[in-house]
Amino acid sequence: MDVLDAAVRVLEERREPLHWTVILDEALRRGYLDPFTERDLRARLLASLAQAARDPGGRIVKSGKGVYALR
């Protein structure tokens, strides 16, 4: 699963804005991401969330420092 898809899935399931560390932790716990097969998950997640939040038609919005939510 792509890191952005994993983040969206976690946000959909939790139905609340979450800090990126919580998103990453939940995605790892639920098995959406595998730290042993994918490199630099932290950097990739942060880059994907930031890019998605900048996209005017995207699914993600930034609602605070390091906090993301679904649009």
PDB file of N, CA and C in Angstrom:
ATOM      1  N   MET A   1       0.852  -1.180   0.000  1.00  0.00           N
ATOM      2  CA  MET A   1       0.000   0.000   0.000  1.00  0.00           C
ATOM      3  C   MET A   1       0.897   1.242   0.000  1.00  0.00           C
ATOM      4  N   ASP A   2       0.514   2.221  -0.752  1.00  0.00           N
ATOM      5  CA  ASP A   2       1.222   3.504  -0.814  1.00  0.00           C
ATOM      6  C   ASP A   2       1.096   4.224   0.532  1.00  0.00           C
ATOM      7  N   VAL A   3       2.104   5.015   0.896  1.00  0.00           N
ATOM      8  CA  VAL A   3       2.071   5.688   2.203  1.00  0.00           C
ATOM      9  C   VAL A   3       0.896   6.660   2.314  1.00  0.00           C
ATOM     10  N   LEU A   4       0.571   7.364   1.241  1.00  0.00           N
ATOM     11  CA  LEU A   4      -0.561   8.292   1.300  1.00  0.00           C
ATOM     12  C   LEU A   4      -1.880   7.529   1.439  1.00  0.00           C
ATOM     13  N   ASP A   5      -2.013   6.428   0.731  1.00  0.00           N
ATOM     14  CA  ASP A   5      -3.224   5.607   0.862  1.00  0.00           C
ATOM     15  C   ASP A   5      -3.370   5.077   2.286  1.00  0.00           C
ATOM     16  N   ALA A   6      -2.263   4.683   2.887  1.00  0.00           N
ATOM     17  CA  ALA A   6      -2.283   4.204   4.261  1.00  0.00           C
ATOM     18  C   ALA A   6      -2.708   5.323   5.215  1.00  0.00           C
ATOM     19  N   ALA A   7      -2.194   6.525   4.981  1.00  0.00           N
ATOM     20  CA  ALA A   7      -2.551   7.668   5.828  1.00  0.00           C
ATOM     21  C   ALA A   7      -4.038   7.994   5.698  1.00  0.00           C
ATOM     22  N   VAL A   8      -4.546   7.990   4.484  1.00  0.00           N
ATOM     23  CA  VAL A   8      -5.971   8.274   4.254  1.00  0.00           C
ATOM     24  C   VAL A   8      -6.829   7.212   4.934  1.00  0.00           C
ATOM     25  N   ARG A   9      -6.406   5.982   4.841  1.00  0.00           N
ATOM     26  CA  ARG A   9      -7.176   4.896   5.462  1.00  0.00           C
ATOM     27  C   ARG A   9      -7.235   5.055   6.983  1.00  0.00           C
ATOM     28  N   VAL A  10      -6.094   5.404   7.590  1.00  0.00           N
ATOM     29  CA  VAL A  10      -6.065   5.624   9.037  1.00  0.00           C
ATOM     30  C   VAL A  10      -6.969   6.793   9.408  1.00  0.00           C
ATOM     31  N   LEU A  11      -6.890   7.889   8.653  1.00  0.00           N
ATOM     32  CA  LEU A  11      -7.727   9.055   8.935  1.00  0.00           C
ATOM     33  C   LEU A  11      -9.208   8.737   8.756  1.00  0.00           C
ATOM     34  N   GLU A  12      -9.539   7.923   7.753  1.00  0.00           N
ATOM     35  CA  GLU A  12     -10.935   7.524   7.556  1.00  0.00           C
ATOM     36  C   GLU A  12     -11.431   6.693   8.732  1.00  0.00           C
ATOM     37  N   GLU A  13     -10.586   5.802   9.207  1.00  0.00           N
ATOM     38  CA  GLU A  13     -11.000   4.929  10.304  1.00  0.00           C
ATOM     39  C   GLU A  13     -11.114   5.671  11.633  1.00  0.00           C
ATOM     40  N   ARG A  14     -10.220   6.605  11.883  1.00  0.00           N
ATOM     41  CA  ARG A  14     -10.240   7.340  13.151  1.00  0.00           C
ATOM     42  C   ARG A  14     -11.222   8.506  13.141  1.00  0.00           C
ATOM     43  N   ARG A  15     -11.530   9.040  11.969  1.00  0.00           N
ATOM     44  CA  ARG A  15     -12.509  10.126  11.801  1.00  0.00           C
ATOM     45  C   ARG A  15     -12.215  11.359  12.654  1.00  0.00           C
ATOM     46  N   GLU A  16     -10.933  11.695  12.754  1.00  0.00           N
ATOM     47  CA  GLU A  16     -10.521  12.891  13.490  1.00  0.00           C
ATOM     48  C   GLU A  16      -9.150  13.324  12.984  1.00  0.00           C
ATOM     49  N   PRO A  17      -8.801  14.601  13.158  1.00  0.00           N
ATOM     50  CA  PRO A  17      -7.454  15.052  12.784  1.00  0.00           C
ATOM     51  C   PRO A  17      -6.420  14.352  13.657  1.00  0.00           C
ATOM     52  N   LEU A  18      -5.292  13.964  13.037  1.00  0.00           N
ATOM     53  CA  LEU A  18      -4.247  13.249  13.759  1.00  0.00           C
ATOM     54  C   LEU A  18      -2.872  13.823  13.439  1.00  0.00           C
ATOM     55  N   HIS A  19      -1.982  13.767  14.414  1.00  0.00           N
ATOM     56  CA  HIS A  19      -0.592  14.148  14.191  1.00  0.00           C
ATOM     57  C   HIS A  19       0.040  13.066  13.318  1.00  0.00           C
ATOM     58  N   TRP A  20       1.005  13.484  12.508  1.00  0.00           N
ATOM     59  CA  TRP A  20       1.606  12.533  11.573  1.00  0.00           C
ATOM     60  C   TRP A  20       2.242  11.344  12.293  1.00  0.00           C
ATOM     61  N   THR A  21       2.733  11.529  13.520  1.00  0.00           N
ATOM     62  CA  THR A  21       3.331  10.411  14.250  1.00  0.00           C
ATOM     63  C   THR A  21       2.287   9.362  14.611  1.00  0.00           C
ATOM     64  N   VAL A  22       1.077   9.816  14.919  1.00  0.00           N
ATOM     65  CA  VAL A  22      -0.016   8.893  15.223  1.00  0.00           C
ATOM     66  C   VAL A  22      -0.447   8.165  13.948  1.00  0.00           C
ATOM     67  N   ILE A  23      -0.499   8.885  12.846  1.00  0.00           N
ATOM     68  CA  ILE A  23      -0.857   8.272  11.562  1.00  0.00           C
ATOM     69  C   ILE A  23       0.139   7.167  11.222  1.00  0.00           C
ATOM     70  N   LEU A  24       1.430   7.463  11.355  1.00  0.00           N
ATOM     71  CA  LEU A  24       2.461   6.476  11.042  1.00  0.00           C
ATOM     72  C   LEU A  24       2.363   5.274  11.983  1.00  0.00           C
ATOM     73  N   ASP A  25       2.197   5.535  13.271  1.00  0.00           N
ATOM     74  CA  ASP A  25       2.099   4.464  14.250  1.00  0.00           C
ATOM     75  C   ASP A  25       0.904   3.556  13.959  1.00  0.00           C
ATOM     76  N   GLU A  26      -0.243   4.146  13.681  1.00  0.00           N
ATOM     77  CA  GLU A  26      -1.447   3.364  13.383  1.00  0.00           C
ATOM     78  C   GLU A  26      -1.281   2.552  12.099  1.00  0.00           C
ATOM     79  N   ALA A  27      -0.687   3.164  11.080  1.00  0.00           N
ATOM     80  CA  ALA A  27      -0.480   2.457   9.812  1.00  0.00           C
ATOM     81  C   ALA A  27       0.448   1.260   9.998  1.00  0.00           C
ATOM     82  N   LEU A  28       1.453   1.408  10.840  1.00  0.00           N
ATOM     83  CA  LEU A  28       2.366   0.295  11.119  1.00  0.00           C
ATOM     84  C   LEU A  28       1.677  -0.788  11.941  1.00  0.00           C
ATOM     85  N   ARG A  29       0.929  -0.380  12.962  1.00  0.00           N
ATOM     86  CA  ARG A  29       0.227  -1.347  13.813  1.00  0.00           C
ATOM     87  C   ARG A  29      -0.797  -2.162  13.046  1.00  0.00           C
ATOM     88  N   ARG A  30      -1.475  -1.514  12.122  1.00  0.00           N
ATOM     89  CA  ARG A  30      -2.538  -2.198  11.369  1.00  0.00           C
ATOM     90  C   ARG A  30      -1.997  -2.972  10.167  1.00  0.00           C
ATOM     91  N   GLY A  31      -0.702  -2.854   9.924  1.00  0.00           N
ATOM     92  CA  GLY A  31      -0.085  -3.606   8.838  1.00  0.00           C
ATOM     93  C   GLY A  31      -0.230  -2.981   7.465  1.00  0.00           C
ATOM     94  N   TYR A  32      -0.631  -1.715   7.416  1.00  0.00           N
ATOM     95  CA  TYR A  32      -0.759  -1.037   6.129  1.00  0.00           C
ATOM     96  C   TYR A  32       0.614  -0.723   5.535  1.00  0.00           C
ATOM     97  N   LEU A  33       1.586  -0.527   6.401  1.00  0.00           N
ATOM     98  CA  LEU A  33       2.960  -0.252   5.983  1.00  0.00           C
ATOM     99  C   LEU A  33       3.882  -1.239   6.679  1.00  0.00           C
ATOM    100  N   ASP A  34       4.952  -1.619   5.995  1.00  0.00           N
ATOM    101  CA  ASP A  34       5.918  -2.559   6.547  1.00  0.00           C
ATOM    102  C   ASP A  34       7.298  -1.903   6.594  1.00  0.00           C
ATOM    103  N   PRO A  35       7.809  -1.625   7.790  1.00  0.00           N
ATOM    104  CA  PRO A  35       9.094  -0.937   7.898  1.00  0.00           C
ATOM    105  C   PRO A  35      10.271  -1.785   7.428  1.00  0.00           C
ATOM    106  N   PHE A  36      10.070  -3.078   7.280  1.00  0.00           N
ATOM    107  CA  PHE A  36      11.161  -3.951   6.866  1.00  0.00           C
ATOM    108  C   PHE A  36      11.286  -4.061   5.354  1.00  0.00           C
ATOM    109  N   THR A  37      10.243  -3.708   4.630  1.00  0.00           N
ATOM    110  CA  THR A  37      10.302  -3.789   3.168  1.00  0.00           C
ATOM    111  C   THR A  37      10.298  -2.410   2.507  1.00  0.00           C
ATOM    112  N   GLU A  38       9.931  -1.392   3.256  1.00  0.00           N
ATOM    113  CA  GLU A  38       9.865  -0.037   2.707  1.00  0.00           C
ATOM    114  C   GLU A  38      10.845   0.859   3.455  1.00  0.00           C
ATOM    115  N   ARG A  39      11.623   1.601   2.701  1.00  0.00           N
ATOM    116  CA  ARG A  39      12.634   2.470   3.287  1.00  0.00           C
ATOM    117  C   ARG A  39      12.081   3.861   3.556  1.00  0.00           C
ATOM    118  N   ASP A  40      12.635   4.507   4.577  1.00  0.00           N
ATOM    119  CA  ASP A  40      12.345   5.915   4.889  1.00  0.00           C
ATOM    120  C   ASP A  40      10.857   6.226   4.981  1.00  0.00           C
ATOM    121  N   LEU A  41      10.124   5.427   5.718  1.00  0.00           N
ATOM    122  CA  LEU A  41       8.679   5.639   5.838  1.00  0.00           C
ATOM    123  C   LEU A  41       8.357   7.011   6.412  1.00  0.00           C
ATOM    124  N   ARG A  42       9.117   7.439   7.398  1.00  0.00           N
ATOM    125  CA  ARG A  42       8.867   8.735   8.031  1.00  0.00           C
ATOM    126  C   ARG A  42       8.962   9.862   7.015  1.00  0.00           C
ATOM    127  N   ALA A  43      10.049   9.886   6.275  1.00  0.00           N
ATOM    128  CA  ALA A  43      10.260  10.945   5.281  1.00  0.00           C
ATOM    129  C   ALA A  43       9.230  10.865   4.164  1.00  0.00           C
ATOM    130  N   ARG A  44       8.932   9.657   3.713  1.00  0.00           N
ATOM    131  CA  ARG A  44       7.957   9.499   2.630  1.00  0.00           C
ATOM    132  C   ARG A  44       6.560   9.911   3.076  1.00  0.00           C
ATOM    133  N   LEU A  45       6.195   9.570   4.313  1.00  0.00           N
ATOM    134  CA  LEU A  45       4.879   9.956   4.818  1.00  0.00           C
ATOM    135  C   LEU A  45       4.768  11.468   4.940  1.00  0.00           C
ATOM    136  N   LEU A  46       5.778  12.089   5.535  1.00  0.00           N
ATOM    137  CA  LEU A  46       5.755  13.551   5.693  1.00  0.00           C
ATOM    138  C   LEU A  46       5.674  14.255   4.341  1.00  0.00           C
ATOM    139  N   ALA A  47       6.458  13.793   3.378  1.00  0.00           N
ATOM    140  CA  ALA A  47       6.438  14.407   2.044  1.00  0.00           C
ATOM    141  C   ALA A  47       5.083  14.212   1.377  1.00  0.00           C
ATOM    142  N   SER A  48       4.514  13.025   1.500  1.00  0.00           N
ATOM    143  CA  SER A  48       3.218  12.737   0.876  1.00  0.00           C
ATOM    144  C   SER A  48       2.096  13.549   1.514  1.00  0.00           C
ATOM    145  N   LEU A  49       2.097  13.654   2.842  1.00  0.00           N
ATOM    146  CA  LEU A  49       1.070  14.444   3.525  1.00  0.00           C
ATOM    147  C   LEU A  49       1.191  15.923   3.173  1.00  0.00           C
ATOM    148  N   ALA A  50       2.410  16.443   3.157  1.00  0.00           N
ATOM    149  CA  ALA A  50       2.612  17.856   2.827  1.00  0.00           C
ATOM    150  C   ALA A  50       2.165  18.155   1.401  1.00  0.00           C
ATOM    151  N   GLN A  51       2.512  17.284   0.475  1.00  0.00           N
ATOM    152  CA  GLN A  51       2.115  17.493  -0.915  1.00  0.00           C
ATOM    153  C   GLN A  51       0.599  17.397  -1.068  1.00  0.00           C
ATOM    154  N   ALA A  52      -0.016  16.423  -0.419  1.00  0.00           N
ATOM    155  CA  ALA A  52      -1.469  16.262  -0.499  1.00  0.00           C
ATOM    156  C   ALA A  52      -2.185  17.462   0.114  1.00  0.00           C
ATOM    157  N   ALA A  53      -1.635  18.020   1.179  1.00  0.00           N
ATOM    158  CA  ALA A  53      -2.257  19.181   1.827  1.00  0.00           C
ATOM    159  C   ALA A  53      -2.151  20.428   0.953  1.00  0.00           C
ATOM    160  N   ARG A  54      -1.107  20.522   0.134  1.00  0.00           N
ATOM    161  CA  ARG A  54      -0.943  21.673  -0.764  1.00  0.00           C
ATOM    162  C   ARG A  54      -1.844  21.589  -1.989  1.00  0.00           C
ATOM    163  N   ASP A  55      -2.294  20.393  -2.333  1.00  0.00           N
ATOM    164  CA  ASP A  55      -3.140  20.185  -3.500  1.00  0.00           C
ATOM    165  C   ASP A  55      -4.543  20.711  -3.200  1.00  0.00           C
ATOM    166  N   PRO A  56      -5.010  21.743  -3.938  1.00  0.00           N
ATOM    167  CA  PRO A  56      -6.311  22.344  -3.637  1.00  0.00           C
ATOM    168  C   PRO A  56      -7.475  21.362  -3.744  1.00  0.00           C
ATOM    169  N   GLY A  57      -7.360  20.358  -4.574  1.00  0.00           N
ATOM    170  CA  GLY A  57      -8.447  19.399  -4.730  1.00  0.00           C
ATOM    171  C   GLY A  57      -8.171  18.089  -4.018  1.00  0.00           C
ATOM    172  N   GLY A  58      -7.162  18.075  -3.168  1.00  0.00           N
ATOM    173  CA  GLY A  58      -6.746  16.844  -2.515  1.00  0.00           C
ATOM    174  C   GLY A  58      -7.649  16.415  -1.375  1.00  0.00           C
ATOM    175  N   ARG A  59      -7.376  15.232  -0.862  1.00  0.00           N
ATOM    176  CA  ARG A  59      -8.197  14.650   0.197  1.00  0.00           C
ATOM    177  C   ARG A  59      -7.727  15.057   1.589  1.00  0.00           C
ATOM    178  N   ILE A  60      -6.532  15.619   1.692  1.00  0.00           N
ATOM    179  CA  ILE A  60      -5.920  15.905   2.988  1.00  0.00           C
ATOM    180  C   ILE A  60      -5.814  17.415   3.205  1.00  0.00           C
ATOM    181  N   VAL A  61      -6.045  17.850   4.429  1.00  0.00           N
ATOM    182  CA  VAL A  61      -5.811  19.245   4.814  1.00  0.00           C
ATOM    183  C   VAL A  61      -4.935  19.249   6.059  1.00  0.00           C
ATOM    184  N   LYS A  62      -4.139  20.288   6.190  1.00  0.00           N
ATOM    185  CA  LYS A  62      -3.314  20.460   7.378  1.00  0.00           C
ATOM    186  C   LYS A  62      -4.103  21.319   8.350  1.00  0.00           C
ATOM    187  N   SER A  63      -4.331  20.789   9.552  1.00  0.00           N
ATOM    188  CA  SER A  63      -5.167  21.518  10.506  1.00  0.00           C
ATOM    189  C   SER A  63      -4.391  22.031  11.712  1.00  0.00           C
ATOM    190  N   GLY A  64      -3.092  21.868  11.699  1.00  0.00           N
ATOM    191  CA  GLY A  64      -2.240  22.342  12.783  1.00  0.00           C
ATOM    192  C   GLY A  64      -0.816  21.914  12.504  1.00  0.00           C
ATOM    193  N   LYS A  65       0.082  22.218  13.419  1.00  0.00           N
ATOM    194  CA  LYS A  65       1.476  21.863  13.216  1.00  0.00           C
ATOM    195  C   LYS A  65       1.629  20.342  13.293  1.00  0.00           C
ATOM    196  N   GLY A  66       1.870  19.736  12.147  1.00  0.00           N
ATOM    197  CA  GLY A  66       2.026  18.286  12.079  1.00  0.00           C
ATOM    198  C   GLY A  66       0.736  17.506  12.144  1.00  0.00           C
ATOM    199  N   VAL A  67      -0.400  18.217  12.125  1.00  0.00           N
ATOM    200  CA  VAL A  67      -1.708  17.563  12.262  1.00  0.00           C
ATOM    201  C   VAL A  67      -2.432  17.614  10.918  1.00  0.00           C
ATOM    202  N   TYR A  68      -2.959  16.460  10.515  1.00  0.00           N
ATOM    203  CA  TYR A  68      -3.638  16.343   9.220  1.00  0.00           C
ATOM    204  C   TYR A  68      -5.023  15.735   9.405  1.00  0.00           C
ATOM    205  N   ALA A  69      -5.921  16.099   8.491  1.00  0.00           N
ATOM    206  CA  ALA A  69      -7.291  15.597   8.543  1.00  0.00           C
ATOM    207  C   ALA A  69      -7.783  15.392   7.109  1.00  0.00           C
ATOM    208  N   LEU A  70      -8.892  14.703   6.979  1.00  0.00           N
ATOM    209  CA  LEU A  70      -9.517  14.551   5.673  1.00  0.00           C
ATOM    210  C   LEU A  70     -10.308  15.811   5.352  1.00  0.00           C
ATOM    211  N   ARG A  71     -10.354  16.152   4.092  1.00  0.00           N
ATOM    212  CA  ARG A  71     -11.101  17.324   3.642  1.00  0.00           C
ATOM    213  C   ARG A  71     -12.582  17.077   3.785  1.00  0.00           C
TER     214      ARG A  71
END
